[in-house]
């Protein structure tokens, strides 16, 4: 009951996917890209 739509219409709902996205992006930066380091992709 924390989200009603994939578009997260309210301010409260929008915080959850952003928290998740930031954590997942950091995982990519620390775990995925360093194994096949690509400068352009890393800074994207």
ModelCIF file with pLDDT and N, C-alpha, C, O atoms, coordinates in Angstrom:
data_MODEL
#
_entry.id   MODEL 
#
_entity.id                         1 
_entity.type                       polymer 
_entity.pdbx_number_of_molecules   1 
#
_entity_poly.entity_id                      1 
_entity_poly.type                           'polypeptide(L)' 
_entity_poly.nstd_linkage                   no 
_entity_poly.nstd_monomer                   no 
_entity_poly.pdbx_seq_one_letter_code       
;(UNK)(UNK)(UNK)(UNK)(UNK)(UNK)(UNK)(UNK)(UNK)(UNK)(UNK)(UNK)(UNK)(UNK)(UNK)(UNK)
(UNK)(UNK)(UNK)(UNK)(UNK)(UNK)(UNK)(UNK)(UNK)(UNK)(UNK)(UNK)(UNK)(UNK)(UNK)(UNK)
(UNK)(UNK)(UNK)(UNK)(UNK)(UNK)(UNK)(UNK)(UNK)(UNK)(UNK)(UNK)
;
_entity_poly.pdbx_seq_one_letter_code_can   XXXXXXXXXXXXXXXXXXXXXXXXXXXXXXXXXXXXXXXXXXXX 
_entity_poly.pdbx_strand_id                 A 
#
loop_
_entity_poly_seq.entity_id 
_entity_poly_seq.num 
_entity_poly_seq.mon_id 
_entity_poly_seq.hetero 
1 1  UNK n 
1 2  UNK n 
1 3  UNK n 
1 4  UNK n 
1 5  UNK n 
1 6  UNK n 
1 7  UNK n 
1 8  UNK n 
1 9  UNK n 
1 10 UNK n 
1 11 UNK n 
1 12 UNK n 
1 13 UNK n 
1 14 UNK n 
1 15 UNK n 
1 16 UNK n 
1 17 UNK n 
1 18 UNK n 
1 19 UNK n 
1 20 UNK n 
1 21 UNK n 
1 22 UNK n 
1 23 UNK n 
1 24 UNK n 
1 25 UNK n 
1 26 UNK n 
1 27 UNK n 
1 28 UNK n 
1 29 UNK n 
1 30 UNK n 
1 31 UNK n 
1 32 UNK n 
1 33 UNK n 
1 34 UNK n 
1 35 UNK n 
1 36 UNK n 
1 37 UNK n 
1 38 UNK n 
1 39 UNK n 
1 40 UNK n 
1 41 UNK n 
1 42 UNK n 
1 43 UNK n 
1 44 UNK n 
#
_struct_asym.id          A 
_struct_asym.entity_id   1 
#
loop_
_ma_qa_metric.id 
_ma_qa_metric.mode 
_ma_qa_metric.name 
_ma_qa_metric.software_group_id 
_ma_qa_metric.type 
1 global pLDDT . pLDDT 
2 local  pLDDT . pLDDT 
#
_ma_qa_metric_global.metric_id      1 
_ma_qa_metric_global.metric_value   86.61 
_ma_qa_metric_global.model_id       1 
_ma_qa_metric_global.ordinal_id     1 
#
loop_
_ma_qa_metric_local.label_asym_id 
_ma_qa_metric_local.label_comp_id 
_ma_qa_metric_local.label_seq_id 
_ma_qa_metric_local.metric_id 
_ma_qa_metric_local.metric_value 
_ma_qa_metric_local.model_id 
_ma_qa_metric_local.ordinal_id 
A UNK 1  2 84.00 1 1  
A UNK 2  2 83.00 1 2  
A UNK 3  2 81.00 1 3  
A UNK 4  2 80.00 1 4  
A UNK 5  2 77.00 1 5  
A UNK 6  2 76.00 1 6  
A UNK 7  2 76.00 1 7  
A UNK 8  2 74.00 1 8  
A UNK 9  2 73.00 1 9  
A UNK 10 2 80.00 1 10 
A UNK 11 2 83.00 1 11 
A UNK 12 2 85.00 1 12 
A UNK 13 2 86.00 1 13 
A UNK 14 2 89.00 1 14 
A UNK 15 2 91.00 1 15 
A UNK 16 2 91.00 1 16 
A UNK 17 2 91.00 1 17 
A UNK 18 2 93.00 1 18 
A UNK 19 2 94.00 1 19 
A UNK 20 2 94.00 1 20 
A UNK 21 2 94.00 1 21 
A UNK 22 2 96.00 1 22 
A UNK 23 2 95.00 1 23 
A UNK 24 2 95.00 1 24 
A UNK 25 2 96.00 1 25 
A UNK 26 2 95.00 1 26 
A UNK 27 2 94.00 1 27 
A UNK 28 2 94.00 1 28 
A UNK 29 2 92.00 1 29 
A UNK 30 2 91.00 1 30 
A UNK 31 2 88.00 1 31 
A UNK 32 2 89.00 1 32 
A UNK 33 2 85.00 1 33 
A UNK 34 2 76.00 1 34 
A UNK 35 2 63.00 1 35 
A UNK 36 2 65.00 1 36 
A UNK 37 2 79.00 1 37 
A UNK 38 2 86.00 1 38 
A UNK 39 2 89.00 1 39 
A UNK 40 2 92.00 1 40 
A UNK 41 2 93.00 1 41 
A UNK 42 2 93.00 1 42 
A UNK 43 2 94.00 1 43 
A UNK 44 2 96.00 1 44 
#
loop_
_atom_site.group_PDB 
_atom_site.id 
_atom_site.type_symbol 
_atom_site.label_atom_id 
_atom_site.label_alt_id 
_atom_site.label_comp_id 
_atom_site.label_asym_id 
_atom_site.label_entity_id 
_atom_site.label_seq_id 
_atom_site.pdbx_PDB_ins_code 
_atom_site.Cartn_x 
_atom_site.Cartn_y 
_atom_site.Cartn_z 
_atom_site.occupancy 
_atom_site.B_iso_or_equiv 
_atom_site.pdbx_formal_charge 
_atom_site.auth_seq_id 
_atom_site.auth_comp_id 
_atom_site.auth_asym_id 
_atom_site.auth_atom_id 
_atom_site.pdbx_PDB_model_num 
ATOM 1   N N  . UNK A 1 1  ? 0.792  -1.222 0.000   1.00 84.00 ? 1  UNK A N  1 
ATOM 2   C CA . UNK A 1 1  ? 0.000  0.000  0.000   1.00 84.00 ? 1  UNK A CA 1 
ATOM 3   C C  . UNK A 1 1  ? 0.822  1.268  0.000   1.00 84.00 ? 1  UNK A C  1 
ATOM 4   O O  . UNK A 1 1  ? 0.308  2.348  0.293   1.00 84.00 ? 1  UNK A O  1 
ATOM 5   N N  . UNK A 1 2  ? 2.123  1.143  -0.333  1.00 83.00 ? 2  UNK A N  1 
ATOM 6   C CA . UNK A 1 2  ? 3.012  2.302  -0.322  1.00 83.00 ? 2  UNK A CA 1 
ATOM 7   C C  . UNK A 1 2  ? 3.080  3.003  -1.680  1.00 83.00 ? 2  UNK A C  1 
ATOM 8   O O  . UNK A 1 2  ? 3.513  4.151  -1.774  1.00 83.00 ? 2  UNK A O  1 
ATOM 9   N N  . UNK A 1 3  ? 2.645  2.292  -2.739  1.00 81.00 ? 3  UNK A N  1 
ATOM 10  C CA . UNK A 1 3  ? 2.599  2.886  -4.072  1.00 81.00 ? 3  UNK A CA 1 
ATOM 11  C C  . UNK A 1 3  ? 1.307  2.474  -4.754  1.00 81.00 ? 3  UNK A C  1 
ATOM 12  O O  . UNK A 1 3  ? 0.855  1.338  -4.612  1.00 81.00 ? 3  UNK A O  1 
ATOM 13  N N  . UNK A 1 4  ? 0.714  3.401  -5.494  1.00 80.00 ? 4  UNK A N  1 
ATOM 14  C CA . UNK A 1 4  ? -0.549 3.115  -6.176  1.00 80.00 ? 4  UNK A CA 1 
ATOM 15  C C  . UNK A 1 4  ? -0.370 2.911  -7.673  1.00 80.00 ? 4  UNK A C  1 
ATOM 16  O O  . UNK A 1 4  ? -1.204 2.281  -8.323  1.00 80.00 ? 4  UNK A O  1 
ATOM 17  N N  . UNK A 1 5  ? 0.723  3.447  -8.223  1.00 77.00 ? 5  UNK A N  1 
ATOM 18  C CA . UNK A 1 5  ? 0.951  3.381  -9.664  1.00 77.00 ? 5  UNK A CA 1 
ATOM 19  C C  . UNK A 1 5  ? 2.445  3.387  -9.944  1.00 77.00 ? 5  UNK A C  1 
ATOM 20  O O  . UNK A 1 5  ? 3.242  3.875  -9.143  1.00 77.00 ? 5  UNK A O  1 
ATOM 21  N N  . UNK A 1 6  ? 2.811  2.833  -11.103 1.00 76.00 ? 6  UNK A N  1 
ATOM 22  C CA . UNK A 1 6  ? 4.222  2.830  -11.497 1.00 76.00 ? 6  UNK A CA 1 
ATOM 23  C C  . UNK A 1 6  ? 4.731  4.241  -11.769 1.00 76.00 ? 6  UNK A C  1 
ATOM 24  O O  . UNK A 1 6  ? 5.939  4.468  -11.827 1.00 76.00 ? 6  UNK A O  1 
ATOM 25  N N  . UNK A 1 7  ? 3.804  5.193  -11.936 1.00 76.00 ? 7  UNK A N  1 
ATOM 26  C CA . UNK A 1 7  ? 4.185  6.593  -12.160 1.00 76.00 ? 7  UNK A CA 1 
ATOM 27  C C  . UNK A 1 7  ? 4.363  7.377  -10.859 1.00 76.00 ? 7  UNK A C  1 
ATOM 28  O O  . UNK A 1 7  ? 4.744  8.547  -10.885 1.00 76.00 ? 7  UNK A O  1 
ATOM 29  N N  . UNK A 1 8  ? 4.086  6.727  -9.709  1.00 74.00 ? 8  UNK A N  1 
ATOM 30  C CA . UNK A 1 8  ? 4.268  7.349  -8.389  1.00 74.00 ? 8  UNK A CA 1 
ATOM 31  C C  . UNK A 1 8  ? 3.753  8.788  -8.370  1.00 74.00 ? 8  UNK A C  1 
ATOM 32  O O  . UNK A 1 8  ? 4.550  9.726  -8.333  1.00 74.00 ? 8  UNK A O  1 
ATOM 33  N N  . UNK A 1 9  ? 2.438  8.973  -8.396  1.00 73.00 ? 9  UNK A N  1 
ATOM 34  C CA . UNK A 1 9  ? 1.853  10.317 -8.547  1.00 73.00 ? 9  UNK A CA 1 
ATOM 35  C C  . UNK A 1 9  ? 2.075  11.284 -7.380  1.00 73.00 ? 9  UNK A C  1 
ATOM 36  O O  . UNK A 1 9  ? 2.123  12.495 -7.595  1.00 73.00 ? 9  UNK A O  1 
ATOM 37  N N  . UNK A 1 10 ? 2.213  10.777 -6.152  1.00 80.00 ? 10 UNK A N  1 
ATOM 38  C CA . UNK A 1 10 ? 2.358  11.681 -5.006  1.00 80.00 ? 10 UNK A CA 1 
ATOM 39  C C  . UNK A 1 10 ? 3.819  11.828 -4.595  1.00 80.00 ? 10 UNK A C  1 
ATOM 40  O O  . UNK A 1 10 ? 4.663  10.997 -4.929  1.00 80.00 ? 10 UNK A O  1 
ATOM 41  N N  . UNK A 1 11 ? 4.094  12.904 -3.863  1.00 83.00 ? 11 UNK A N  1 
ATOM 42  C CA . UNK A 1 11 ? 5.462  13.171 -3.404  1.00 83.00 ? 11 UNK A CA 1 
ATOM 43  C C  . UNK A 1 11 ? 5.970  12.038 -2.506  1.00 83.00 ? 11 UNK A C  1 
ATOM 44  O O  . UNK A 1 11 ? 7.122  11.622 -2.625  1.00 83.00 ? 11 UNK A O  1 
ATOM 45  N N  . UNK A 1 12 ? 5.117  11.543 -1.615  1.00 85.00 ? 12 UNK A N  1 
ATOM 46  C CA . UNK A 1 12 ? 5.513  10.464 -0.713  1.00 85.00 ? 12 UNK A CA 1 
ATOM 47  C C  . UNK A 1 12 ? 5.858  9.194  -1.479  1.00 85.00 ? 12 UNK A C  1 
ATOM 48  O O  . UNK A 1 12 ? 6.847  8.526  -1.178  1.00 85.00 ? 12 UNK A O  1 
ATOM 49  N N  . UNK A 1 13 ? 5.032  8.866  -2.474  1.00 86.00 ? 13 UNK A N  1 
ATOM 50  C CA . UNK A 1 13 ? 5.267  7.657  -3.277  1.00 86.00 ? 13 UNK A CA 1 
ATOM 51  C C  . UNK A 1 13 ? 6.563  7.737  -4.075  1.00 86.00 ? 13 UNK A C  1 
ATOM 52  O O  . UNK A 1 13 ? 7.240  6.728  -4.269  1.00 86.00 ? 13 UNK A O  1 
ATOM 53  N N  . UNK A 1 14 ? 6.905  8.929  -4.533  1.00 89.00 ? 14 UNK A N  1 
ATOM 54  C CA . UNK A 1 14 ? 8.070  9.098  -5.409  1.00 89.00 ? 14 UNK A CA 1 
ATOM 55  C C  . UNK A 1 14 ? 9.382  8.868  -4.675  1.00 89.00 ? 14 UNK A C  1 
ATOM 56  O O  . UNK A 1 14 ? 10.394 8.560  -5.304  1.00 89.00 ? 14 UNK A O  1 
ATOM 57  N N  . UNK A 1 15 ? 9.381  9.009  -3.379  1.00 91.00 ? 15 UNK A N  1 
ATOM 58  C CA . UNK A 1 15 ? 10.618 8.833  -2.612  1.00 91.00 ? 15 UNK A CA 1 
ATOM 59  C C  . UNK A 1 15 ? 11.111 7.391  -2.638  1.00 91.00 ? 15 UNK A C  1 
ATOM 60  O O  . UNK A 1 15 ? 12.315 7.145  -2.712  1.00 91.00 ? 15 UNK A O  1 
ATOM 61  N N  . UNK A 1 16 ? 10.177 6.433  -2.576  1.00 91.00 ? 16 UNK A N  1 
ATOM 62  C CA . UNK A 1 16 ? 10.577 5.023  -2.510  1.00 91.00 ? 16 UNK A CA 1 
ATOM 63  C C  . UNK A 1 16 ? 11.356 4.570  -3.749  1.00 91.00 ? 16 UNK A C  1 
ATOM 64  O O  . UNK A 1 16 ? 12.446 4.019  -3.597  1.00 91.00 ? 16 UNK A O  1 
ATOM 65  N N  . UNK A 1 17 ? 10.841 4.778  -4.972  1.00 91.00 ? 17 UNK A N  1 
ATOM 66  C CA . UNK A 1 17 ? 11.611 4.350  -6.147  1.00 91.00 ? 17 UNK A CA 1 
ATOM 67  C C  . UNK A 1 17 ? 12.935 5.097  -6.301  1.00 91.00 ? 17 UNK A C  1 
ATOM 68  O O  . UNK A 1 17 ? 13.898 4.554  -6.842  1.00 91.00 ? 17 UNK A O  1 
ATOM 69  N N  . UNK A 1 18 ? 12.984 6.351  -5.821  1.00 93.00 ? 18 UNK A N  1 
ATOM 70  C CA . UNK A 1 18 ? 14.245 7.096  -5.900  1.00 93.00 ? 18 UNK A CA 1 
ATOM 71  C C  . UNK A 1 18 ? 15.285 6.524  -4.960  1.00 93.00 ? 18 UNK A C  1 
ATOM 72  O O  . UNK A 1 18 ? 16.454 6.409  -5.328  1.00 93.00 ? 18 UNK A O  1 
ATOM 73  N N  . UNK A 1 19 ? 14.874 6.160  -3.737  1.00 94.00 ? 19 UNK A N  1 
ATOM 74  C CA . UNK A 1 19 ? 15.796 5.504  -2.807  1.00 94.00 ? 19 UNK A CA 1 
ATOM 75  C C  . UNK A 1 19 ? 16.356 4.228  -3.434  1.00 94.00 ? 19 UNK A C  1 
ATOM 76  O O  . UNK A 1 19 ? 17.561 3.977  -3.407  1.00 94.00 ? 19 UNK A O  1 
ATOM 77  N N  . UNK A 1 20 ? 15.458 3.440  -3.993  1.00 94.00 ? 20 UNK A N  1 
ATOM 78  C CA . UNK A 1 20 ? 15.847 2.164  -4.603  1.00 94.00 ? 20 UNK A CA 1 
ATOM 79  C C  . UNK A 1 20 ? 16.777 2.387  -5.793  1.00 94.00 ? 20 UNK A C  1 
ATOM 80  O O  . UNK A 1 20 ? 17.786 1.696  -5.936  1.00 94.00 ? 20 UNK A O  1 
ATOM 81  N N  . UNK A 1 21 ? 16.435 3.353  -6.646  1.00 94.00 ? 21 UNK A N  1 
ATOM 82  C CA . UNK A 1 21 ? 17.252 3.645  -7.834  1.00 94.00 ? 21 UNK A CA 1 
ATOM 83  C C  . UNK A 1 21 ? 18.659 4.072  -7.458  1.00 94.00 ? 21 UNK A C  1 
ATOM 84  O O  . UNK A 1 21 ? 19.633 3.602  -8.046  1.00 94.00 ? 21 UNK A O  1 
ATOM 85  N N  . UNK A 1 22 ? 18.768 4.959  -6.486  1.00 96.00 ? 22 UNK A N  1 
ATOM 86  C CA . UNK A 1 22 ? 20.083 5.451  -6.059  1.00 96.00 ? 22 UNK A CA 1 
ATOM 87  C C  . UNK A 1 22 ? 20.941 4.308  -5.542  1.00 96.00 ? 22 UNK A C  1 
ATOM 88  O O  . UNK A 1 22 ? 22.122 4.219  -5.877  1.00 96.00 ? 22 UNK A O  1 
ATOM 89  N N  . UNK A 1 23 ? 20.363 3.438  -4.736  1.00 95.00 ? 23 UNK A N  1 
ATOM 90  C CA . UNK A 1 23 ? 21.098 2.283  -4.204  1.00 95.00 ? 23 UNK A CA 1 
ATOM 91  C C  . UNK A 1 23 ? 21.550 1.362  -5.333  1.00 95.00 ? 23 UNK A C  1 
ATOM 92  O O  . UNK A 1 23 ? 22.688 0.892  -5.335  1.00 95.00 ? 23 UNK A O  1 
ATOM 93  N N  . UNK A 1 24 ? 20.664 1.104  -6.290  1.00 95.00 ? 24 UNK A N  1 
ATOM 94  C CA . UNK A 1 24 ? 20.995 0.223  -7.418  1.00 95.00 ? 24 UNK A CA 1 
ATOM 95  C C  . UNK A 1 24 ? 22.053 0.845  -8.327  1.00 95.00 ? 24 UNK A C  1 
ATOM 96  O O  . UNK A 1 24 ? 22.930 0.139  -8.823  1.00 95.00 ? 24 UNK A O  1 
ATOM 97  N N  . UNK A 1 25 ? 21.982 2.163  -8.552  1.00 96.00 ? 25 UNK A N  1 
ATOM 98  C CA . UNK A 1 25 ? 23.008 2.841  -9.355  1.00 96.00 ? 25 UNK A CA 1 
ATOM 99  C C  . UNK A 1 25 ? 24.372 2.735  -8.678  1.00 96.00 ? 25 UNK A C  1 
ATOM 100 O O  . UNK A 1 25 ? 25.387 2.523  -9.342  1.00 96.00 ? 25 UNK A O  1 
ATOM 101 N N  . UNK A 1 26 ? 24.389 2.883  -7.368  1.00 95.00 ? 26 UNK A N  1 
ATOM 102 C CA . UNK A 1 26 ? 25.655 2.768  -6.628  1.00 95.00 ? 26 UNK A CA 1 
ATOM 103 C C  . UNK A 1 26 ? 26.209 1.352  -6.704  1.00 95.00 ? 26 UNK A C  1 
ATOM 104 O O  . UNK A 1 26 ? 27.422 1.159  -6.781  1.00 95.00 ? 26 UNK A O  1 
ATOM 105 N N  . UNK A 1 27 ? 25.324 0.363  -6.681  1.00 94.00 ? 27 UNK A N  1 
ATOM 106 C CA . UNK A 1 27 ? 25.756 -1.029 -6.836  1.00 94.00 ? 27 UNK A CA 1 
ATOM 107 C C  . UNK A 1 27 ? 26.401 -1.238 -8.201  1.00 94.00 ? 27 UNK A C  1 
ATOM 108 O O  . UNK A 1 27 ? 27.404 -1.940 -8.321  1.00 94.00 ? 27 UNK A O  1 
ATOM 109 N N  . UNK A 1 28 ? 25.816 -0.621 -9.229  1.00 94.00 ? 28 UNK A N  1 
ATOM 110 C CA . UNK A 1 28 ? 26.380 -0.723 -10.575 1.00 94.00 ? 28 UNK A CA 1 
ATOM 111 C C  . UNK A 1 28 ? 27.763 -0.078 -10.628 1.00 94.00 ? 28 UNK A C  1 
ATOM 112 O O  . UNK A 1 28 ? 28.691 -0.622 -11.226 1.00 94.00 ? 28 UNK A O  1 
ATOM 113 N N  . UNK A 1 29 ? 27.887 1.083  -9.997  1.00 92.00 ? 29 UNK A N  1 
ATOM 114 C CA . UNK A 1 29 ? 29.166 1.798  -9.992  1.00 92.00 ? 29 UNK A CA 1 
ATOM 115 C C  . UNK A 1 29 ? 30.265 1.045  -9.252  1.00 92.00 ? 29 UNK A C  1 
ATOM 116 O O  . UNK A 1 29 ? 31.429 1.088  -9.648  1.00 92.00 ? 29 UNK A O  1 
ATOM 117 N N  . UNK A 1 30 ? 29.893 0.358  -8.178  1.00 91.00 ? 30 UNK A N  1 
ATOM 118 C CA . UNK A 1 30 ? 30.899 -0.323 -7.355  1.00 91.00 ? 30 UNK A CA 1 
ATOM 119 C C  . UNK A 1 30 ? 31.109 -1.786 -7.712  1.00 91.00 ? 30 UNK A C  1 
ATOM 120 O O  . UNK A 1 30 ? 32.179 -2.338 -7.458  1.00 91.00 ? 30 UNK A O  1 
ATOM 121 N N  . UNK A 1 31 ? 30.085 -2.428 -8.308  1.00 88.00 ? 31 UNK A N  1 
ATOM 122 C CA . UNK A 1 31 ? 30.188 -3.864 -8.533  1.00 88.00 ? 31 UNK A CA 1 
ATOM 123 C C  . UNK A 1 31 ? 30.190 -4.290 -9.994  1.00 88.00 ? 31 UNK A C  1 
ATOM 124 O O  . UNK A 1 31 ? 30.856 -5.259 -10.357 1.00 88.00 ? 31 UNK A O  1 
ATOM 125 N N  . UNK A 1 32 ? 29.449 -3.573 -10.835 1.00 89.00 ? 32 UNK A N  1 
ATOM 126 C CA . UNK A 1 32 ? 29.296 -4.006 -12.234 1.00 89.00 ? 32 UNK A CA 1 
ATOM 127 C C  . UNK A 1 32 ? 30.347 -3.385 -13.149 1.00 89.00 ? 32 UNK A C  1 
ATOM 128 O O  . UNK A 1 32 ? 31.130 -4.104 -13.770 1.00 89.00 ? 32 UNK A O  1 
ATOM 129 N N  . UNK A 1 33 ? 30.368 -2.065 -13.236 1.00 85.00 ? 33 UNK A N  1 
ATOM 130 C CA . UNK A 1 33 ? 31.258 -1.393 -14.186 1.00 85.00 ? 33 UNK A CA 1 
ATOM 131 C C  . UNK A 1 33 ? 32.744 -1.585 -13.866 1.00 85.00 ? 33 UNK A C  1 
ATOM 132 O O  . UNK A 1 33 ? 33.526 -1.758 -14.801 1.00 85.00 ? 33 UNK A O  1 
ATOM 133 N N  . UNK A 1 34 ? 33.177 -1.565 -12.601 1.00 76.00 ? 34 UNK A N  1 
ATOM 134 C CA . UNK A 1 34 ? 34.606 -1.765 -12.321 1.00 76.00 ? 34 UNK A CA 1 
ATOM 135 C C  . UNK A 1 34 ? 35.182 -3.074 -12.859 1.00 76.00 ? 34 UNK A C  1 
ATOM 136 O O  . UNK A 1 34 ? 36.382 -3.153 -13.123 1.00 76.00 ? 34 UNK A O  1 
ATOM 137 N N  . UNK A 1 35 ? 34.352 -4.098 -13.024 1.00 63.00 ? 35 UNK A N  1 
ATOM 138 C CA . UNK A 1 35 ? 34.839 -5.376 -13.551 1.00 63.00 ? 35 UNK A CA 1 
ATOM 139 C C  . UNK A 1 35 ? 35.206 -5.264 -15.027 1.00 63.00 ? 35 UNK A C  1 
ATOM 140 O O  . UNK A 1 35 ? 36.107 -5.961 -15.493 1.00 63.00 ? 35 UNK A O  1 
ATOM 141 N N  . UNK A 1 36 ? 34.526 -4.403 -15.759 1.00 65.00 ? 36 UNK A N  1 
ATOM 142 C CA . UNK A 1 36 ? 34.813 -4.144 -17.172 1.00 65.00 ? 36 UNK A CA 1 
ATOM 143 C C  . UNK A 1 36 ? 34.867 -2.632 -17.347 1.00 65.00 ? 36 UNK A C  1 
ATOM 144 O O  . UNK A 1 36 ? 34.060 -2.059 -18.078 1.00 65.00 ? 36 UNK A O  1 
ATOM 145 N N  . UNK A 1 37 ? 35.810 -1.992 -16.682 1.00 79.00 ? 37 UNK A N  1 
ATOM 146 C CA . UNK A 1 37 ? 35.770 -0.541 -16.521 1.00 79.00 ? 37 UNK A CA 1 
ATOM 147 C C  . UNK A 1 37 ? 35.659 0.206  -17.846 1.00 79.00 ? 37 UNK A C  1 
ATOM 148 O O  . UNK A 1 37 ? 36.498 0.060  -18.734 1.00 79.00 ? 37 UNK A O  1 
ATOM 149 N N  . UNK A 1 38 ? 34.619 0.995  -17.954 1.00 86.00 ? 38 UNK A N  1 
ATOM 150 C CA . UNK A 1 38 ? 34.376 1.830  -19.130 1.00 86.00 ? 38 UNK A CA 1 
ATOM 151 C C  . UNK A 1 38 ? 34.131 3.244  -18.625 1.00 86.00 ? 38 UNK A C  1 
ATOM 152 O O  . UNK A 1 38 ? 33.100 3.521  -18.012 1.00 86.00 ? 38 UNK A O  1 
ATOM 153 N N  . UNK A 1 39 ? 35.060 4.116  -18.878 1.00 89.00 ? 39 UNK A N  1 
ATOM 154 C CA . UNK A 1 39 ? 35.034 5.471  -18.345 1.00 89.00 ? 39 UNK A CA 1 
ATOM 155 C C  . UNK A 1 39 ? 33.744 6.212  -18.691 1.00 89.00 ? 39 UNK A C  1 
ATOM 156 O O  . UNK A 1 39 ? 33.118 6.824  -17.826 1.00 89.00 ? 39 UNK A O  1 
ATOM 157 N N  . UNK A 1 40 ? 33.356 6.149  -19.958 1.00 92.00 ? 40 UNK A N  1 
ATOM 158 C CA . UNK A 1 40 ? 32.174 6.880  -20.424 1.00 92.00 ? 40 UNK A CA 1 
ATOM 159 C C  . UNK A 1 40 ? 30.899 6.397  -19.723 1.00 92.00 ? 40 UNK A C  1 
ATOM 160 O O  . UNK A 1 40 ? 30.038 7.192  -19.346 1.00 92.00 ? 40 UNK A O  1 
ATOM 161 N N  . UNK A 1 41 ? 30.803 5.093  -19.561 1.00 93.00 ? 41 UNK A N  1 
ATOM 162 C CA . UNK A 1 41 ? 29.619 4.502  -18.942 1.00 93.00 ? 41 UNK A CA 1 
ATOM 163 C C  . UNK A 1 41 ? 29.598 4.760  -17.435 1.00 93.00 ? 41 UNK A C  1 
ATOM 164 O O  . UNK A 1 41 ? 28.544 4.987  -16.841 1.00 93.00 ? 41 UNK A O  1 
ATOM 165 N N  . UNK A 1 42 ? 30.768 4.718  -16.845 1.00 93.00 ? 42 UNK A N  1 
ATOM 166 C CA . UNK A 1 42 ? 30.887 4.953  -15.405 1.00 93.00 ? 42 UNK A CA 1 
ATOM 167 C C  . UNK A 1 42 ? 30.338 6.327  -15.034 1.00 93.00 ? 42 UNK A C  1 
ATOM 168 O O  . UNK A 1 42 ? 29.551 6.453  -14.097 1.00 93.00 ? 42 UNK A O  1 
ATOM 169 N N  . UNK A 1 43 ? 30.754 7.350  -15.767 1.00 94.00 ? 43 UNK A N  1 
ATOM 170 C CA . UNK A 1 43 ? 30.330 8.708  -15.427 1.00 94.00 ? 43 UNK A CA 1 
ATOM 171 C C  . UNK A 1 43 ? 28.894 9.009  -15.865 1.00 94.00 ? 43 UNK A C  1 
ATOM 172 O O  . UNK A 1 43 ? 28.275 9.950  -15.368 1.00 94.00 ? 43 UNK A O  1 
ATOM 173 N N  . UNK A 1 44 ? 28.367 8.209  -16.797 1.00 96.00 ? 44 UNK A N  1 
ATOM 174 C CA . UNK A 1 44 ? 26.940 8.312  -17.116 1.00 96.00 ? 44 UNK A CA 1 
ATOM 175 C C  . UNK A 1 44 ? 26.123 7.963  -15.872 1.00 96.00 ? 44 UNK A C  1 
ATOM 176 O O  . UNK A 1 44 ? 24.893 7.985  -15.915 1.00 96.00 ? 44 UNK A O  1 
#
